[in-house]
Amino acid sequence: MPIMKYRSLEEAEKALWCFYPTEHYYRRVSGFYELFCKLLSPSYPKGVFKYKDINDANRQRFEWDISRGIQKDKSYQSFYSR
């Protein structure tokens, strides 16, 4: 891969543009959007939950976040194993 030198950030950004996209390019872009939607969308259970105190509520939210992180890690790994 050649080393490129740029005079400005705008010039470097233009080098990343794809003027002639192929089918493979569109598949990769679609995969990135799919991954970002999974990473950014919250996945908490629906409903109203009652807790004795704020510590119980924080503990439950932490458990949900951890389980969500494990699921996201699996989807991240499957995305890059393509």
PDB file of N, CA and C in Angstrom:
ATOM      1  N   MET A   1       0.850  -1.170   0.000  1.00  0.00           N
ATOM      2  CA  MET A   1       0.000   0.000   0.000  1.00  0.00           C
ATOM      3  C   MET A   1       0.899   1.237   0.000  1.00  0.00           C
ATOM      4  N   PRO A   2       0.695   2.133  -0.931  1.00  0.00           N
ATOM      5  CA  PRO A   2       1.560   3.312  -1.016  1.00  0.00           C
ATOM      6  C   PRO A   2       1.280   4.299   0.115  1.00  0.00           C
ATOM      7  N   ILE A   3       2.291   5.056   0.455  1.00  0.00           N
ATOM      8  CA  ILE A   3       2.161   6.109   1.462  1.00  0.00           C
ATOM      9  C   ILE A   3       1.776   7.390   0.746  1.00  0.00           C
ATOM     10  N   MET A   4       0.703   7.998   1.217  1.00  0.00           N
ATOM     11  CA  MET A   4       0.205   9.226   0.598  1.00  0.00           C
ATOM     12  C   MET A   4       0.452  10.397   1.538  1.00  0.00           C
ATOM     13  N   LYS A   5       0.807  11.542   0.979  1.00  0.00           N
ATOM     14  CA  LYS A   5       0.988  12.763   1.767  1.00  0.00           C
ATOM     15  C   LYS A   5      -0.048  13.784   1.326  1.00  0.00           C
ATOM     16  N   TYR A   6      -0.627  14.464   2.301  1.00  0.00           N
ATOM     17  CA  TYR A   6      -1.663  15.450   2.023  1.00  0.00           C
ATOM     18  C   TYR A   6      -1.284  16.784   2.642  1.00  0.00           C
ATOM     19  N   ARG A   7      -1.719  17.851   2.010  1.00  0.00           N
ATOM     20  CA  ARG A   7      -1.438  19.195   2.511  1.00  0.00           C
ATOM     21  C   ARG A   7      -2.490  19.665   3.511  1.00  0.00           C
ATOM     22  N   SER A   8      -3.688  19.064   3.468  1.00  0.00           N
ATOM     23  CA  SER A   8      -4.756  19.482   4.384  1.00  0.00           C
ATOM     24  C   SER A   8      -5.654  18.283   4.699  1.00  0.00           C
ATOM     25  N   LEU A   9      -6.495  18.454   5.701  1.00  0.00           N
ATOM     26  CA  LEU A   9      -7.440  17.393   6.049  1.00  0.00           C
ATOM     27  C   LEU A   9      -8.487  17.207   4.960  1.00  0.00           C
ATOM     28  N   GLU A  10      -8.883  18.289   4.320  1.00  0.00           N
ATOM     29  CA  GLU A  10      -9.868  18.185   3.242  1.00  0.00           C
ATOM     30  C   GLU A  10      -9.345  17.312   2.107  1.00  0.00           C
ATOM     31  N   GLU A  11      -8.079  17.472   1.796  1.00  0.00           N
ATOM     32  CA  GLU A  11      -7.458  16.680   0.739  1.00  0.00           C
ATOM     33  C   GLU A  11      -7.413  15.201   1.138  1.00  0.00           C
ATOM     34  N   ALA A  12      -7.137  14.933   2.406  1.00  0.00           N
ATOM     35  CA  ALA A  12      -7.107  13.552   2.892  1.00  0.00           C
ATOM     36  C   ALA A  12      -8.504  12.937   2.881  1.00  0.00           C
ATOM     37  N   GLU A  13      -9.518  13.720   3.237  1.00  0.00           N
ATOM     38  CA  GLU A  13     -10.892  13.217   3.210  1.00  0.00           C
ATOM     39  C   GLU A  13     -11.322  12.853   1.796  1.00  0.00           C
ATOM     40  N   LYS A  14     -10.936  13.653   0.825  1.00  0.00           N
ATOM     41  CA  LYS A  14     -11.306  13.373  -0.568  1.00  0.00           C
ATOM     42  C   LYS A  14     -10.693  12.063  -1.060  1.00  0.00           C
ATOM     43  N   ALA A  15      -9.542  11.696  -0.510  1.00  0.00           N
ATOM     44  CA  ALA A  15      -8.902  10.447  -0.917  1.00  0.00           C
ATOM     45  C   ALA A  15      -9.711   9.231  -0.453  1.00  0.00           C
ATOM     46  N   LEU A  16     -10.565   9.406   0.551  1.00  0.00           N
ATOM     47  CA  LEU A  16     -11.386   8.301   1.050  1.00  0.00           C
ATOM     48  C   LEU A  16     -12.671   8.112   0.259  1.00  0.00           C
ATOM     49  N   TRP A  17     -13.039   9.055  -0.557  1.00  0.00           N
ATOM     50  CA  TRP A  17     -14.276   8.969  -1.320  1.00  0.00           C
ATOM     51  C   TRP A  17     -14.192   7.842  -2.343  1.00  0.00           C
ATOM     52  N   CYS A  18     -15.298   7.193  -2.560  1.00  0.00           N
ATOM     53  CA  CYS A  18     -15.376   6.119  -3.549  1.00  0.00           C
ATOM     54  C   CYS A  18     -16.241   6.611  -4.709  1.00  0.00           C
ATOM     55  N   PHE A  19     -15.607   6.974  -5.811  1.00  0.00           N
ATOM     56  CA  PHE A  19     -16.329   7.523  -6.955  1.00  0.00           C
ATOM     57  C   PHE A  19     -16.973   6.445  -7.825  1.00  0.00           C
ATOM     58  N   TYR A  20     -16.448   5.223  -7.767  1.00  0.00           N
ATOM     59  CA  TYR A  20     -16.976   4.125  -8.574  1.00  0.00           C
ATOM     60  C   TYR A  20     -17.256   2.924  -7.667  1.00  0.00           C
ATOM     61  N   PRO A  21     -18.347   2.993  -6.889  1.00  0.00           N
ATOM     62  CA  PRO A  21     -18.628   1.905  -5.941  1.00  0.00           C
ATOM     63  C   PRO A  21     -19.024   0.615  -6.654  1.00  0.00           C
ATOM     64  N   THR A  22     -18.606  -0.486  -6.061  1.00  0.00           N
ATOM     65  CA  THR A  22     -18.953  -1.808  -6.579  1.00  0.00           C
ATOM     66  C   THR A  22     -19.987  -2.448  -5.652  1.00  0.00           C
ATOM     67  N   GLU A  23     -20.433  -3.631  -6.029  1.00  0.00           N
ATOM     68  CA  GLU A  23     -21.397  -4.349  -5.192  1.00  0.00           C
ATOM     69  C   GLU A  23     -20.785  -4.686  -3.835  1.00  0.00           C
ATOM     70  N   HIS A  24     -19.508  -5.035  -3.817  1.00  0.00           N
ATOM     71  CA  HIS A  24     -18.809  -5.334  -2.558  1.00  0.00           C
ATOM     72  C   HIS A  24     -18.795  -4.105  -1.644  1.00  0.00           C
ATOM     73  N   TYR A  25     -18.592  -2.948  -2.214  1.00  0.00           N
ATOM     74  CA  TYR A  25     -18.597  -1.697  -1.446  1.00  0.00           C
ATOM     75  C   TYR A  25     -19.954  -1.483  -0.773  1.00  0.00           C
ATOM     76  N   TYR A  26     -21.036  -1.681  -1.520  1.00  0.00           N
ATOM     77  CA  TYR A  26     -22.379  -1.489  -0.962  1.00  0.00           C
ATOM     78  C   TYR A  26     -22.681  -2.508   0.136  1.00  0.00           C
ATOM     79  N   ARG A  27     -22.191  -3.741  -0.021  1.00  0.00           N
ATOM     80  CA  ARG A  27     -22.380  -4.745   1.029  1.00  0.00           C
ATOM     81  C   ARG A  27     -21.662  -4.330   2.307  1.00  0.00           C
ATOM     82  N   ARG A  28     -20.453  -3.808   2.169  1.00  0.00           N
ATOM     83  CA  ARG A  28     -19.699  -3.368   3.352  1.00  0.00           C
ATOM     84  C   ARG A  28     -20.386  -2.193   4.029  1.00  0.00           C
ATOM     85  N   VAL A  29     -20.864  -1.233   3.259  1.00  0.00           N
ATOM     86  CA  VAL A  29     -21.559  -0.078   3.838  1.00  0.00           C
ATOM     87  C   VAL A  29     -22.826  -0.541   4.547  1.00  0.00           C
ATOM     88  N   SER A  30     -23.561  -1.446   3.938  1.00  0.00           N
ATOM     89  CA  SER A  30     -24.770  -1.983   4.561  1.00  0.00           C
ATOM     90  C   SER A  30     -24.433  -2.695   5.867  1.00  0.00           C
ATOM     91  N   GLY A  31     -23.346  -3.427   5.871  1.00  0.00           N
ATOM     92  CA  GLY A  31     -22.909  -4.115   7.085  1.00  0.00           C
ATOM     93  C   GLY A  31     -22.536  -3.147   8.190  1.00  0.00           C
ATOM     94  N   PHE A  32     -21.886  -2.041   7.820  1.00  0.00           N
ATOM     95  CA  PHE A  32     -21.534  -1.032   8.823  1.00  0.00           C
ATOM     96  C   PHE A  32     -22.788  -0.419   9.433  1.00  0.00           C
ATOM     97  N   TYR A  33     -23.778  -0.104   8.603  1.00  0.00           N
ATOM     98  CA  TYR A  33     -25.023   0.465   9.129  1.00  0.00           C
ATOM     99  C   TYR A  33     -25.740  -0.531  10.035  1.00  0.00           C
ATOM    100  N   GLU A  34     -25.726  -1.790   9.649  1.00  0.00           N
ATOM    101  CA  GLU A  34     -26.354  -2.821  10.478  1.00  0.00           C
ATOM    102  C   GLU A  34     -25.661  -2.908  11.836  1.00  0.00           C
ATOM    103  N   LEU A  35     -24.337  -2.882  11.829  1.00  0.00           N
ATOM    104  CA  LEU A  35     -23.575  -2.938  13.074  1.00  0.00           C
ATOM    105  C   LEU A  35     -23.840  -1.708  13.932  1.00  0.00           C
ATOM    106  N   PHE A  36     -23.841  -0.529  13.342  1.00  0.00           N
ATOM    107  CA  PHE A  36     -24.065   0.697  14.109  1.00  0.00           C
ATOM    108  C   PHE A  36     -25.453   0.726  14.724  1.00  0.00           C
ATOM    109  N   CYS A  37     -26.454   0.250  14.001  1.00  0.00           N
ATOM    110  CA  CYS A  37     -27.812   0.204  14.559  1.00  0.00           C
ATOM    111  C   CYS A  37     -27.869  -0.721  15.763  1.00  0.00           C
ATOM    112  N   LYS A  38     -27.167  -1.840  15.691  1.00  0.00           N
ATOM    113  CA  LYS A  38     -27.145  -2.755  16.829  1.00  0.00           C
ATOM    114  C   LYS A  38     -26.396  -2.151  18.011  1.00  0.00           C
ATOM    115  N   LEU A  39     -25.325  -1.439  17.729  1.00  0.00           N
ATOM    116  CA  LEU A  39     -24.519  -0.867  18.806  1.00  0.00           C
ATOM    117  C   LEU A  39     -25.198   0.312  19.481  1.00  0.00           C
ATOM    118  N   LEU A  40     -25.940   1.096  18.735  1.00  0.00           N
ATOM    119  CA  LEU A  40     -26.494   2.327  19.282  1.00  0.00           C
ATOM    120  C   LEU A  40     -27.907   2.197  19.824  1.00  0.00           C
ATOM    121  N   SER A  41     -28.630   1.179  19.447  1.00  0.00           N
ATOM    122  CA  SER A  41     -30.018   1.081  19.897  1.00  0.00           C
ATOM    123  C   SER A  41     -30.081   0.450  21.290  1.00  0.00           C
ATOM    124  N   PRO A  42     -30.764   1.110  22.226  1.00  0.00           N
ATOM    125  CA  PRO A  42     -30.902   0.519  23.562  1.00  0.00           C
ATOM    126  C   PRO A  42     -31.839  -0.681  23.516  1.00  0.00           C
ATOM    127  N   SER A  43     -31.564  -1.662  24.332  1.00  0.00           N
ATOM    128  CA  SER A  43     -32.400  -2.864  24.331  1.00  0.00           C
ATOM    129  C   SER A  43     -32.800  -3.219  25.758  1.00  0.00           C
ATOM    130  N   TYR A  44     -33.563  -2.347  26.374  1.00  0.00           N
ATOM    131  CA  TYR A  44     -34.058  -2.598  27.719  1.00  0.00           C
ATOM    132  C   TYR A  44     -35.441  -3.230  27.622  1.00  0.00           C
ATOM    133  N   PRO A  45     -35.802  -4.075  28.586  1.00  0.00           N
ATOM    134  CA  PRO A  45     -37.138  -4.672  28.567  1.00  0.00           C
ATOM    135  C   PRO A  45     -38.223  -3.606  28.707  1.00  0.00           C
ATOM    136  N   LYS A  46     -39.353  -3.863  28.081  1.00  0.00           N
ATOM    137  CA  LYS A  46     -40.459  -2.913  28.174  1.00  0.00           C
ATOM    138  C   LYS A  46     -41.178  -3.101  29.500  1.00  0.00           C
ATOM    139  N   GLY A  47     -41.775  -2.038  29.969  1.00  0.00           N
ATOM    140  CA  GLY A  47     -42.573  -2.124  31.186  1.00  0.00           C
ATOM    141  C   GLY A  47     -42.072  -1.189  32.261  1.00  0.00           C
ATOM    142  N   VAL A  48     -42.773  -1.225  33.382  1.00  0.00           N
ATOM    143  CA  VAL A  48     -42.423  -0.411  34.543  1.00  0.00           C
ATOM    144  C   VAL A  48     -41.938  -1.354  35.630  1.00  0.00           C
ATOM    145  N   PHE A  49     -40.817  -1.049  36.222  1.00  0.00           N
ATOM    146  CA  PHE A  49     -40.228  -1.896  37.245  1.00  0.00           C
ATOM    147  C   PHE A  49     -40.156  -1.135  38.562  1.00  0.00           C
ATOM    148  N   LYS A  50     -40.440  -1.847  39.652  1.00  0.00           N
ATOM    149  CA  LYS A  50     -40.365  -1.240  40.981  1.00  0.00           C
ATOM    150  C   LYS A  50     -39.135  -1.774  41.694  1.00  0.00           C
ATOM    151  N   TYR A  51     -38.458  -0.886  42.394  1.00  0.00           N
ATOM    152  CA  TYR A  51     -37.271  -1.258  43.147  1.00  0.00           C
ATOM    153  C   TYR A  51     -37.387  -0.707  44.563  1.00  0.00           C
ATOM    154  N   LYS A  52     -36.693  -1.367  45.487  1.00  0.00           N
ATOM    155  CA  LYS A  52     -36.718  -0.915  46.880  1.00  0.00           C
ATOM    156  C   LYS A  52     -35.971   0.397  47.050  1.00  0.00           C
ATOM    157  N   ASP A  53     -34.853   0.514  46.344  1.00  0.00           N
ATOM    158  CA  ASP A  53     -34.072   1.750  46.432  1.00  0.00           C
ATOM    159  C   ASP A  53     -33.303   1.959  45.128  1.00  0.00           C
ATOM    160  N   ILE A  54     -32.593   3.064  45.063  1.00  0.00           N
ATOM    161  CA  ILE A  54     -31.868   3.434  43.837  1.00  0.00           C
ATOM    162  C   ILE A  54     -30.746   2.448  43.531  1.00  0.00           C
ATOM    163  N   ASN A  55     -30.167   1.843  44.550  1.00  0.00           N
ATOM    164  CA  ASN A  55     -29.085   0.876  44.328  1.00  0.00           C
ATOM    165  C   ASN A  55     -29.586  -0.357  43.579  1.00  0.00           C
ATOM    166  N   ASP A  56     -30.787  -0.829  43.924  1.00  0.00           N
ATOM    167  CA  ASP A  56     -31.365  -1.967  43.197  1.00  0.00           C
ATOM    168  C   ASP A  56     -31.626  -1.611  41.733  1.00  0.00           C
ATOM    169  N   ALA A  57     -32.120  -0.415  41.497  1.00  0.00           N
ATOM    170  CA  ALA A  57     -32.382   0.026  40.122  1.00  0.00           C
ATOM    171  C   ALA A  57     -31.080   0.132  39.333  1.00  0.00           C
ATOM    172  N   ASN A  58     -30.056   0.690  39.958  1.00  0.00           N
ATOM    173  CA  ASN A  58     -28.758   0.809  39.280  1.00  0.00           C
ATOM    174  C   ASN A  58     -28.152  -0.561  39.007  1.00  0.00           C
ATOM    175  N   ARG A  59     -28.301  -1.488  39.935  1.00  0.00           N
ATOM    176  CA  ARG A  59     -27.771  -2.839  39.760  1.00  0.00           C
ATOM    177  C   ARG A  59     -28.462  -3.530  38.574  1.00  0.00           C
ATOM    178  N   GLN A  60     -29.790  -3.387  38.504  1.00  0.00           N
ATOM    179  CA  GLN A  60     -30.537  -3.996  37.395  1.00  0.00           C
ATOM    180  C   GLN A  60     -30.121  -3.401  36.057  1.00  0.00           C
ATOM    181  N   ARG A  61     -29.968  -2.104  35.999  1.00  0.00           N
ATOM    182  CA  ARG A  61     -29.552  -1.463  34.751  1.00  0.00           C
ATOM    183  C   ARG A  61     -28.149  -1.908  34.359  1.00  0.00           C
ATOM    184  N   PHE A  62     -27.258  -2.039  35.329  1.00  0.00           N
ATOM    185  CA  PHE A  62     -25.902  -2.511  35.059  1.00  0.00           C
ATOM    186  C   PHE A  62     -25.948  -3.918  34.456  1.00  0.00           C
ATOM    187  N   GLU A  63     -26.790  -4.796  35.008  1.00  0.00           N
ATOM    188  CA  GLU A  63     -26.910  -6.159  34.476  1.00  0.00           C
ATOM    189  C   GLU A  63     -27.436  -6.145  33.041  1.00  0.00           C
ATOM    190  N   TRP A  64     -28.407  -5.290  32.762  1.00  0.00           N
ATOM    191  CA  TRP A  64     -28.919  -5.177  31.394  1.00  0.00           C
ATOM    192  C   TRP A  64     -27.827  -4.687  30.449  1.00  0.00           C
ATOM    193  N   ASP A  65     -27.057  -3.694  30.896  1.00  0.00           N
ATOM    194  CA  ASP A  65     -25.986  -3.161  30.052  1.00  0.00           C
ATOM    195  C   ASP A  65     -24.914  -4.209  29.789  1.00  0.00           C
ATOM    196  N   ILE A  66     -24.573  -5.004  30.806  1.00  0.00           N
ATOM    197  CA  ILE A  66     -23.563  -6.050  30.631  1.00  0.00           C
ATOM    198  C   ILE A  66     -24.058  -7.104  29.641  1.00  0.00           C
ATOM    199  N   SER A  67     -25.302  -7.555  29.791  1.00  0.00           N
ATOM    200  CA  SER A  67     -25.821  -8.572  28.869  1.00  0.00           C
ATOM    201  C   SER A  67     -25.901  -8.014  27.448  1.00  0.00           C
ATOM    202  N   ARG A  68     -26.243  -6.737  27.327  1.00  0.00           N
ATOM    203  CA  ARG A  68     -26.290  -6.092  26.008  1.00  0.00           C
ATOM    204  C   ARG A  68     -24.887  -6.015  25.403  1.00  0.00           C
ATOM    205  N   GLY A  69     -23.893  -5.728  26.236  1.00  0.00           N
ATOM    206  CA  GLY A  69     -22.510  -5.665  25.761  1.00  0.00           C
ATOM    207  C   GLY A  69     -22.017  -7.006  25.266  1.00  0.00           C
ATOM    208  N   ILE A  70     -22.401  -8.078  25.943  1.00  0.00           N
ATOM    209  CA  ILE A  70     -22.004  -9.420  25.510  1.00  0.00           C
ATOM    210  C   ILE A  70     -22.636  -9.738  24.159  1.00  0.00           C
ATOM    211  N   GLN A  71     -23.906  -9.389  23.994  1.00  0.00           N
ATOM    212  CA  GLN A  71     -24.580  -9.625  22.714  1.00  0.00           C
ATOM    213  C   GLN A  71     -23.926  -8.810  21.608  1.00  0.00           C
ATOM    214  N   LYS A  72     -23.573  -7.566  21.906  1.00  0.00           N
ATOM    215  CA  LYS A  72     -22.954  -6.709  20.897  1.00  0.00           C
ATOM    216  C   LYS A  72     -21.576  -7.225  20.517  1.00  0.00           C
ATOM    217  N   ASP A  73     -20.847  -7.773  21.499  1.00  0.00           N
ATOM    218  CA  ASP A  73     -19.532  -8.316  21.206  1.00  0.00           C
ATOM    219  C   ASP A  73     -19.655  -9.474  20.224  1.00  0.00           C
ATOM    220  N   LYS A  74     -20.674 -10.307  20.392  1.00  0.00           N
ATOM    221  CA  LYS A  74     -20.883 -11.428  19.472  1.00  0.00           C
ATOM    222  C   LYS A  74     -21.225 -10.928  18.074  1.00  0.00           C
ATOM    223  N   SER A  75     -22.074  -9.899  17.983  1.00  0.00           N
ATOM    224  CA  SER A  75     -22.439  -9.382  16.660  1.00  0.00           C
ATOM    225  C   SER A  75     -21.245  -8.688  16.014  1.00  0.00           C
ATOM    226  N   TYR A  76     -20.408  -8.043  16.822  1.00  0.00           N
ATOM    227  CA  TYR A  76     -19.209  -7.380  16.315  1.00  0.00           C
ATOM    228  C   TYR A  76     -18.249  -8.414  15.738  1.00  0.00           C
ATOM    229  N   GLN A  77     -18.070  -9.526  16.464  1.00  0.00           N
ATOM    230  CA  GLN A  77     -17.163 -10.570  15.990  1.00  0.00           C
ATOM    231  C   GLN A  77     -17.692 -11.222  14.719  1.00  0.00           C
ATOM    232  N   SER A  78     -19.008 -11.441  14.651  1.00  0.00           N
ATOM    233  CA  SER A  78     -19.562 -12.067  13.449  1.00  0.00           C
ATOM    234  C   SER A  78     -19.462 -11.130  12.249  1.00  0.00           C
ATOM    235  N   PHE A  79     -19.540  -9.822  12.493  1.00  0.00           N
ATOM    236  CA  PHE A  79     -19.426  -8.859  11.399  1.00  0.00           C
ATOM    237  C   PHE A  79     -18.033  -8.912  10.776  1.00  0.00           C
ATOM    238  N   TYR A  80     -16.997  -8.979  11.605  1.00  0.00           N
ATOM    239  CA  TYR A  80     -15.640  -8.956  11.079  1.00  0.00           C
ATOM    240  C   TYR A  80     -15.131 -10.326  10.649  1.00  0.00           C
ATOM    241  N   SER A  81     -15.895 -11.375  10.896  1.00  0.00           N
ATOM    242  CA  SER A  81     -15.468 -12.693  10.432  1.00  0.00           C
ATOM    243  C   SER A  81     -15.958 -12.979   9.016  1.00  0.00           C
ATOM    244  N   ARG A  82     -16.679 -12.031   8.389  1.00  0.00           N
ATOM    245  CA  ARG A  82     -17.190 -12.215   7.024  1.00  0.00           C
ATOM    246  C   ARG A  82     -16.073 -12.274   6.028  1.00  0.00           C
TER     247      ARG A  82
END
